[in-house]
Amino acid sequence: MALFKKRTVGKPGEWYYCLEHKKVEEGPECPAKDRFGPYTSREEAQHAMETAQERNLEWETDPKWHDRQGPDENASG
């Protein structure tokens, strides 16, 4: 008996954005490594790349992630 069953069909209402095919899918049609989601609506999945770009920009400009000194800045003597 398997501990985990592989889910081959998605639940109705789960939306994904496939990175390989560049399209919105209802239910996971493509492998997890090739998709973003799940999203609650088709519209939300359609904007997956914009959402990812916004989150990346927030991370890149977040001072909490860039508060360490570089190797040359903390060298002593």
PDB file of N, CA and C in Angstrom:
ATOM      1  N   MET A   1       0.838  -1.173   0.000  1.00  0.00           N
ATOM      2  CA  MET A   1       0.000   0.000   0.000  1.00  0.00           C
ATOM      3  C   MET A   1       0.888   1.243   0.000  1.00  0.00           C
ATOM      4  N   ALA A   2       0.618   2.165  -0.905  1.00  0.00           N
ATOM      5  CA  ALA A   2       1.402   3.391  -1.010  1.00  0.00           C
ATOM      6  C   ALA A   2       0.990   4.374   0.091  1.00  0.00           C
ATOM      7  N   LEU A   3       1.981   5.062   0.639  1.00  0.00           N
ATOM      8  CA  LEU A   3       1.687   6.063   1.648  1.00  0.00           C
ATOM      9  C   LEU A   3       1.050   7.308   1.037  1.00  0.00           C
ATOM     10  N   PHE A   4       1.508   7.666  -0.140  1.00  0.00           N
ATOM     11  CA  PHE A   4       1.001   8.856  -0.806  1.00  0.00           C
ATOM     12  C   PHE A   4       0.527   8.480  -2.193  1.00  0.00           C
ATOM     13  N   LYS A   5      -0.635   8.956  -2.549  1.00  0.00           N
ATOM     14  CA  LYS A   5      -1.142   8.709  -3.889  1.00  0.00           C
ATOM     15  C   LYS A   5      -0.794   9.895  -4.762  1.00  0.00           C
ATOM     16  N   LYS A   6      -0.341   9.624  -5.957  1.00  0.00           N
ATOM     17  CA  LYS A   6      -0.020  10.689  -6.893  1.00  0.00           C
ATOM     18  C   LYS A   6      -1.320  11.226  -7.475  1.00  0.00           C
ATOM     19  N   ARG A   7      -1.513  12.513  -7.319  1.00  0.00           N
ATOM     20  CA  ARG A   7      -2.724  13.133  -7.824  1.00  0.00           C
ATOM     21  C   ARG A   7      -2.526  13.462  -9.297  1.00  0.00           C
ATOM     22  N   THR A   8      -3.323  12.869 -10.137  1.00  0.00           N
ATOM     23  CA  THR A   8      -3.168  13.094 -11.572  1.00  0.00           C
ATOM     24  C   THR A   8      -4.170  14.102 -12.103  1.00  0.00           C
ATOM     25  N   VAL A   9      -5.253  14.312 -11.388  1.00  0.00           N
ATOM     26  CA  VAL A   9      -6.280  15.241 -11.831  1.00  0.00           C
ATOM     27  C   VAL A   9      -6.443  16.317 -10.773  1.00  0.00           C
ATOM     28  N   GLY A  10      -6.514  17.549 -11.221  1.00  0.00           N
ATOM     29  CA  GLY A  10      -6.677  18.644 -10.279  1.00  0.00           C
ATOM     30  C   GLY A  10      -8.105  18.805  -9.822  1.00  0.00           C
ATOM     31  N   LYS A  11      -8.257  19.571  -8.785  1.00  0.00           N
ATOM     32  CA  LYS A  11      -9.589  19.870  -8.273  1.00  0.00           C
ATOM     33  C   LYS A  11     -10.198  20.977  -9.136  1.00  0.00           C
ATOM     34  N   PRO A  12     -11.488  20.918  -9.368  1.00  0.00           N
ATOM     35  CA  PRO A  12     -12.130  22.015 -10.087  1.00  0.00           C
ATOM     36  C   PRO A  12     -11.928  23.318  -9.313  1.00  0.00           C
ATOM     37  N   GLY A  13     -11.592  24.360 -10.014  1.00  0.00           N
ATOM     38  CA  GLY A  13     -11.364  25.646  -9.370  1.00  0.00           C
ATOM     39  C   GLY A  13      -9.922  25.916  -9.010  1.00  0.00           C
ATOM     40  N   GLU A  14      -9.024  24.962  -9.192  1.00  0.00           N
ATOM     41  CA  GLU A  14      -7.593  25.194  -8.979  1.00  0.00           C
ATOM     42  C   GLU A  14      -6.992  25.583 -10.321  1.00  0.00           C
ATOM     43  N   TRP A  15      -6.359  26.737 -10.349  1.00  0.00           N
ATOM     44  CA  TRP A  15      -5.777  27.237 -11.586  1.00  0.00           C
ATOM     45  C   TRP A  15      -4.269  27.328 -11.453  1.00  0.00           C
ATOM     46  N   TYR A  16      -3.573  27.020 -12.528  1.00  0.00           N
ATOM     47  CA  TYR A  16      -2.114  27.035 -12.566  1.00  0.00           C
ATOM     48  C   TYR A  16      -1.645  27.774 -13.812  1.00  0.00           C
ATOM     49  N   TYR A  17      -0.402  28.268 -13.743  1.00  0.00           N
ATOM     50  CA  TYR A  17       0.223  28.853 -14.918  1.00  0.00           C
ATOM     51  C   TYR A  17       1.395  27.966 -15.285  1.00  0.00           C
ATOM     52  N   CYS A  18       1.364  27.399 -16.488  1.00  0.00           N
ATOM     53  CA  CYS A  18       2.438  26.522 -16.958  1.00  0.00           C
ATOM     54  C   CYS A  18       3.558  27.373 -17.553  1.00  0.00           C
ATOM     55  N   LEU A  19       4.745  27.252 -16.986  1.00  0.00           N
ATOM     56  CA  LEU A  19       5.898  28.015 -17.440  1.00  0.00           C
ATOM     57  C   LEU A  19       6.424  27.519 -18.780  1.00  0.00           C
ATOM     58  N   GLU A  20       6.264  26.247 -19.040  1.00  0.00           N
ATOM     59  CA  GLU A  20       6.773  25.677 -20.290  1.00  0.00           C
ATOM     60  C   GLU A  20       5.873  26.026 -21.477  1.00  0.00           C
ATOM     61  N   HIS A  21       4.569  25.890 -21.291  1.00  0.00           N
ATOM     62  CA  HIS A  21       3.627  26.140 -22.384  1.00  0.00           C
ATOM     63  C   HIS A  21       3.099  27.567 -22.398  1.00  0.00           C
ATOM     64  N   LYS A  22       3.414  28.338 -21.332  1.00  0.00           N
ATOM     65  CA  LYS A  22       2.985  29.728 -21.206  1.00  0.00           C
ATOM     66  C   LYS A  22       1.467  29.860 -21.338  1.00  0.00           C
ATOM     67  N   LYS A  23       0.760  29.012 -20.562  1.00  0.00           N
ATOM     68  CA  LYS A  23      -0.702  29.051 -20.602  1.00  0.00           C
ATOM     69  C   LYS A  23      -1.283  28.711 -19.242  1.00  0.00           C
ATOM     70  N   VAL A  24      -2.537  29.115 -19.061  1.00  0.00           N
ATOM     71  CA  VAL A  24      -3.270  28.841 -17.831  1.00  0.00           C
ATOM     72  C   VAL A  24      -3.930  27.478 -17.954  1.00  0.00           C
ATOM     73  N   GLU A  25      -3.881  26.703 -16.871  1.00  0.00           N
ATOM     74  CA  GLU A  25      -4.474  25.361 -16.853  1.00  0.00           C
ATOM     75  C   GLU A  25      -5.382  25.231 -15.643  1.00  0.00           C
ATOM     76  N   GLU A  26      -6.495  24.562 -15.799  1.00  0.00           N
ATOM     77  CA  GLU A  26      -7.337  24.242 -14.651  1.00  0.00           C
ATOM     78  C   GLU A  26      -6.926  22.860 -14.178  1.00  0.00           C
ATOM     79  N   GLY A  27      -6.492  22.787 -12.943  1.00  0.00           N
ATOM     80  CA  GLY A  27      -5.967  21.526 -12.427  1.00  0.00           C
ATOM     81  C   GLY A  27      -4.538  21.348 -12.908  1.00  0.00           C
ATOM     82  N   PRO A  28      -3.715  20.604 -12.191  1.00  0.00           N
ATOM     83  CA  PRO A  28      -2.316  20.439 -12.598  1.00  0.00           C
ATOM     84  C   PRO A  28      -2.180  19.493 -13.783  1.00  0.00           C
ATOM     85  N   GLU A  29      -1.985  20.059 -14.962  1.00  0.00           N
ATOM     86  CA  GLU A  29      -1.782  19.242 -16.149  1.00  0.00           C
ATOM     87  C   GLU A  29      -0.300  18.938 -16.357  1.00  0.00           C
ATOM     88  N   CYS A  30       0.546  19.914 -16.058  1.00  0.00           N
ATOM     89  CA  CYS A  30       1.984  19.764 -16.257  1.00  0.00           C
ATOM     90  C   CYS A  30       2.670  19.474 -14.916  1.00  0.00           C
ATOM     91  N   PRO A  31       3.907  18.973 -14.956  1.00  0.00           N
ATOM     92  CA  PRO A  31       4.636  18.675 -13.718  1.00  0.00           C
ATOM     93  C   PRO A  31       4.807  19.917 -12.848  1.00  0.00           C
ATOM     94  N   ALA A  32       4.900  19.727 -11.557  1.00  0.00           N
ATOM     95  CA  ALA A  32       5.021  20.821 -10.588  1.00  0.00           C
ATOM     96  C   ALA A  32       6.223  21.720 -10.883  1.00  0.00           C
ATOM     97  N   LYS A  33       7.301  21.156 -11.385  1.00  0.00           N
ATOM     98  CA  LYS A  33       8.503  21.945 -11.672  1.00  0.00           C
ATOM     99  C   LYS A  33       8.274  22.963 -12.781  1.00  0.00           C
ATOM    100  N   ASP A  34       7.211  22.793 -13.559  1.00  0.00           N
ATOM    101  CA  ASP A  34       6.943  23.669 -14.696  1.00  0.00           C
ATOM    102  C   ASP A  34       5.746  24.583 -14.491  1.00  0.00           C
ATOM    103  N   ARG A  35       5.303  24.767 -13.254  1.00  0.00           N
ATOM    104  CA  ARG A  35       4.098  25.579 -13.077  1.00  0.00           C
ATOM    105  C   ARG A  35       4.123  26.406 -11.796  1.00  0.00           C
ATOM    106  N   PHE A  36       3.346  27.483 -11.812  1.00  0.00           N
ATOM    107  CA  PHE A  36       3.068  28.297 -10.636  1.00  0.00           C
ATOM    108  C   PHE A  36       1.635  28.010 -10.234  1.00  0.00           C
ATOM    109  N   GLY A  37       1.361  28.014  -8.942  1.00  0.00           N
ATOM    110  CA  GLY A  37      -0.011  27.837  -8.485  1.00  0.00           C
ATOM    111  C   GLY A  37      -0.069  26.901  -7.305  1.00  0.00           C
ATOM    112  N   PRO A  38      -1.235  26.603  -6.823  1.00  0.00           N
ATOM    113  CA  PRO A  38      -2.542  26.902  -7.407  1.00  0.00           C
ATOM    114  C   PRO A  38      -3.005  28.320  -7.087  1.00  0.00           C
ATOM    115  N   TYR A  39      -3.822  28.850  -7.984  1.00  0.00           N
ATOM    116  CA  TYR A  39      -4.482  30.138  -7.821  1.00  0.00           C
ATOM    117  C   TYR A  39      -5.977  29.879  -7.700  1.00  0.00           C
ATOM    118  N   THR A  40      -6.677  30.854  -7.136  1.00  0.00           N
ATOM    119  CA  THR A  40      -8.109  30.668  -6.905  1.00  0.00           C
ATOM    120  C   THR A  40      -8.961  31.033  -8.109  1.00  0.00           C
ATOM    121  N   SER A  41      -8.363  31.721  -9.096  1.00  0.00           N
ATOM    122  CA  SER A  41      -9.138  32.096 -10.281  1.00  0.00           C
ATOM    123  C   SER A  41      -8.264  32.058 -11.519  1.00  0.00           C
ATOM    124  N   ARG A  42      -8.921  31.968 -12.661  1.00  0.00           N
ATOM    125  CA  ARG A  42      -8.212  31.986 -13.944  1.00  0.00           C
ATOM    126  C   ARG A  42      -7.466  33.310 -14.104  1.00  0.00           C
ATOM    127  N   GLU A  43      -8.116  34.415 -13.739  1.00  0.00           N
ATOM    128  CA  GLU A  43      -7.497  35.734 -13.860  1.00  0.00           C
ATOM    129  C   GLU A  43      -6.216  35.836 -13.042  1.00  0.00           C
ATOM    130  N   GLU A  44      -6.259  35.328 -11.824  1.00  0.00           N
ATOM    131  CA  GLU A  44      -5.079  35.358 -10.960  1.00  0.00           C
ATOM    132  C   GLU A  44      -3.936  34.559 -11.593  1.00  0.00           C
ATOM    133  N   ALA A  45      -4.245  33.413 -12.166  1.00  0.00           N
ATOM    134  CA  ALA A  45      -3.226  32.592 -12.827  1.00  0.00           C
ATOM    135  C   ALA A  45      -2.683  33.276 -14.075  1.00  0.00           C
ATOM    136  N   GLN A  46      -3.536  34.024 -14.778  1.00  0.00           N
ATOM    137  CA  GLN A  46      -3.087  34.733 -15.975  1.00  0.00           C
ATOM    138  C   GLN A  46      -2.038  35.786 -15.645  1.00  0.00           C
ATOM    139  N   HIS A  47      -2.070  36.296 -14.419  1.00  0.00           N
ATOM    140  CA  HIS A  47      -1.124  37.329 -14.002  1.00  0.00           C
ATOM    141  C   HIS A  47       0.022  36.763 -13.171  1.00  0.00           C
ATOM    142  N   ALA A  48       0.258  35.473 -13.258  1.00  0.00           N
ATOM    143  CA  ALA A  48       1.283  34.808 -12.438  1.00  0.00           C
ATOM    144  C   ALA A  48       2.673  35.389 -12.665  1.00  0.00           C
ATOM    145  N   MET A  49       3.022  35.660 -13.904  1.00  0.00           N
ATOM    146  CA  MET A  49       4.364  36.175 -14.189  1.00  0.00           C
ATOM    147  C   MET A  49       4.534  37.593 -13.653  1.00  0.00           C
ATOM    148  N   GLU A  50       3.495  38.423 -13.760  1.00  0.00           N
ATOM    149  CA  GLU A  50       3.567  39.778 -13.216  1.00  0.00           C
ATOM    150  C   GLU A  50       3.688  39.731 -11.690  1.00  0.00           C
ATOM    151  N   THR A  51       2.927  38.833 -11.068  1.00  0.00           N
ATOM    152  CA  THR A  51       2.986  38.674  -9.616  1.00  0.00           C
ATOM    153  C   THR A  51       4.389  38.255  -9.188  1.00  0.00           C
ATOM    154  N   ALA A  52       4.969  37.311  -9.906  1.00  0.00           N
ATOM    155  CA  ALA A  52       6.324  36.845  -9.587  1.00  0.00           C
ATOM    156  C   ALA A  52       7.333  37.977  -9.758  1.00  0.00           C
ATOM    157  N   GLN A  53       7.178  38.765 -10.811  1.00  0.00           N
ATOM    158  CA  GLN A  53       8.091  39.882 -11.052  1.00  0.00           C
ATOM    159  C   GLN A  53       7.987  40.921  -9.930  1.00  0.00           C
ATOM    160  N   GLU A  54       6.764  41.222  -9.493  1.00  0.00           N
ATOM    161  CA  GLU A  54       6.567  42.169  -8.395  1.00  0.00           C
ATOM    162  C   GLU A  54       7.191  41.650  -7.101  1.00  0.00           C
ATOM    163  N   ARG A  55       7.008  40.374  -6.816  1.00  0.00           N
ATOM    164  CA  ARG A  55       7.575  39.792  -5.594  1.00  0.00           C
ATOM    165  C   ARG A  55       9.095  39.770  -5.643  1.00  0.00           C
ATOM    166  N   ASN A  56       9.662  39.492  -6.813  1.00  0.00           N
ATOM    167  CA  ASN A  56      11.120  39.515  -6.953  1.00  0.00           C
ATOM    168  C   ASN A  56      11.666  40.916  -6.706  1.00  0.00           C
ATOM    169  N   LEU A  57      10.988  41.930  -7.245  1.00  0.00           N
ATOM    170  CA  LEU A  57      11.421  43.304  -7.051  1.00  0.00           C
ATOM    171  C   LEU A  57      11.348  43.683  -5.571  1.00  0.00           C
ATOM    172  N   GLU A  58      10.277  43.285  -4.894  1.00  0.00           N
ATOM    173  CA  GLU A  58      10.158  43.547  -3.456  1.00  0.00           C
ATOM    174  C   GLU A  58      11.306  42.906  -2.697  1.00  0.00           C
ATOM    175  N   TRP A  59      11.645  41.676  -3.047  1.00  0.00           N
ATOM    176  CA  TRP A  59      12.731  40.975  -2.368  1.00  0.00           C
ATOM    177  C   TRP A  59      14.069  41.655  -2.636  1.00  0.00           C
ATOM    178  N   GLU A  60      14.292  42.045  -3.884  1.00  0.00           N
ATOM    179  CA  GLU A  60      15.570  42.661  -4.247  1.00  0.00           C
ATOM    180  C   GLU A  60      15.782  44.010  -3.576  1.00  0.00           C
ATOM    181  N   THR A  61      14.697  44.711  -3.267  1.00  0.00           N
ATOM    182  CA  THR A  61      14.821  46.038  -2.655  1.00  0.00           C
ATOM    183  C   THR A  61      14.537  46.028  -1.160  1.00  0.00           C
ATOM    184  N   ASP A  62      14.300  44.883  -0.573  1.00  0.00           N
ATOM    185  CA  ASP A  62      14.014  44.786   0.857  1.00  0.00           C
ATOM    186  C   ASP A  62      15.311  44.928   1.647  1.00  0.00           C
ATOM    187  N   PRO A  63      15.414  45.950   2.485  1.00  0.00           N
ATOM    188  CA  PRO A  63      16.663  46.151   3.232  1.00  0.00           C
ATOM    189  C   PRO A  63      16.991  45.016   4.197  1.00  0.00           C
ATOM    190  N   LYS A  64      16.009  44.250   4.630  1.00  0.00           N
ATOM    191  CA  LYS A  64      16.285  43.124   5.528  1.00  0.00           C
ATOM    192  C   LYS A  64      17.149  42.065   4.857  1.00  0.00           C
ATOM    193  N   TRP A  65      17.091  41.989   3.534  1.00  0.00           N
ATOM    194  CA  TRP A  65      17.873  40.981   2.819  1.00  0.00           C
ATOM    195  C   TRP A  65      19.240  41.513   2.407  1.00  0.00           C
ATOM    196  N   HIS A  66      19.461  42.809   2.570  1.00  0.00           N
ATOM    197  CA  HIS A  66      20.715  43.409   2.105  1.00  0.00           C
ATOM    198  C   HIS A  66      21.402  44.192   3.215  1.00  0.00           C
ATOM    199  N   ASP A  67      21.346  43.691   4.432  1.00  0.00           N
ATOM    200  CA  ASP A  67      21.933  44.415   5.548  1.00  0.00           C
ATOM    201  C   ASP A  67      23.319  43.905   5.936  1.00  0.00           C
ATOM    202  N   ARG A  68      23.837  42.936   5.227  1.00  0.00           N
ATOM    203  CA  ARG A  68      25.174  42.408   5.546  1.00  0.00           C
ATOM    204  C   ARG A  68      26.231  43.173   4.769  1.00  0.00           C
ATOM    205  N   GLN A  69      27.388  43.294   5.375  1.00  0.00           N
ATOM    206  CA  GLN A  69      28.501  43.952   4.704  1.00  0.00           C
ATOM    207  C   GLN A  69      29.202  42.951   3.800  1.00  0.00           C
ATOM    208  N   GLY A  70      29.771  43.465   2.747  1.00  0.00           N
ATOM    209  CA  GLY A  70      30.535  42.609   1.842  1.00  0.00           C
ATOM    210  C   GLY A  70      31.869  42.249   2.448  1.00  0.00           C
ATOM    211  N   PRO A  71      32.623  41.334   1.845  1.00  0.00           N
ATOM    212  CA  PRO A  71      33.900  40.866   2.405  1.00  0.00           C
ATOM    213  C   PRO A  71      34.943  41.985   2.543  1.00  0.00           C
ATOM    214  N   ASP A  72      34.932  42.984   1.629  1.00  0.00           N
ATOM    215  CA  ASP A  72      35.915  44.065   1.688  1.00  0.00           C
ATOM    216  C   ASP A  72      35.569  45.084   2.756  1.00  0.00           C
ATOM    217  N   GLU A  73      34.278  45.216   3.100  1.00  0.00           N
ATOM    218  CA  GLU A  73      33.828  46.231   4.027  1.00  0.00           C
ATOM    219  C   GLU A  73      34.126  45.880   5.489  1.00  0.00           C
ATOM    220  N   ASN A  74      34.237  44.598   5.820  1.00  0.00           N
ATOM    221  CA  ASN A  74      34.443  44.234   7.213  1.00  0.00           C
ATOM    222  C   ASN A  74      35.851  43.680   7.482  1.00  0.00           C
ATOM    223  N   ALA A  75      36.757  43.884   6.538  1.00  0.00           N
ATOM    224  CA  ALA A  75      38.122  43.421   6.740  1.00  0.00           C
ATOM    225  C   ALA A  75      38.817  44.340   7.743  1.00  0.00           C
ATOM    226  N   SER A  76      39.539  43.759   8.666  1.00  0.00           N
ATOM    227  CA  SER A  76      40.221  44.579   9.672  1.00  0.00           C
ATOM    228  C   SER A  76      41.718  44.585   9.411  1.00  0.00           C
ATOM    229  N   GLY A  77      42.345  45.772   9.722  1.00  0.00           N
ATOM    230  CA  GLY A  77      43.770  45.922   9.702  1.00  0.00           C
ATOM    231  C   GLY A  77      44.355  46.092   8.438  1.00  0.00           C
TER     232      GLY A  77
END
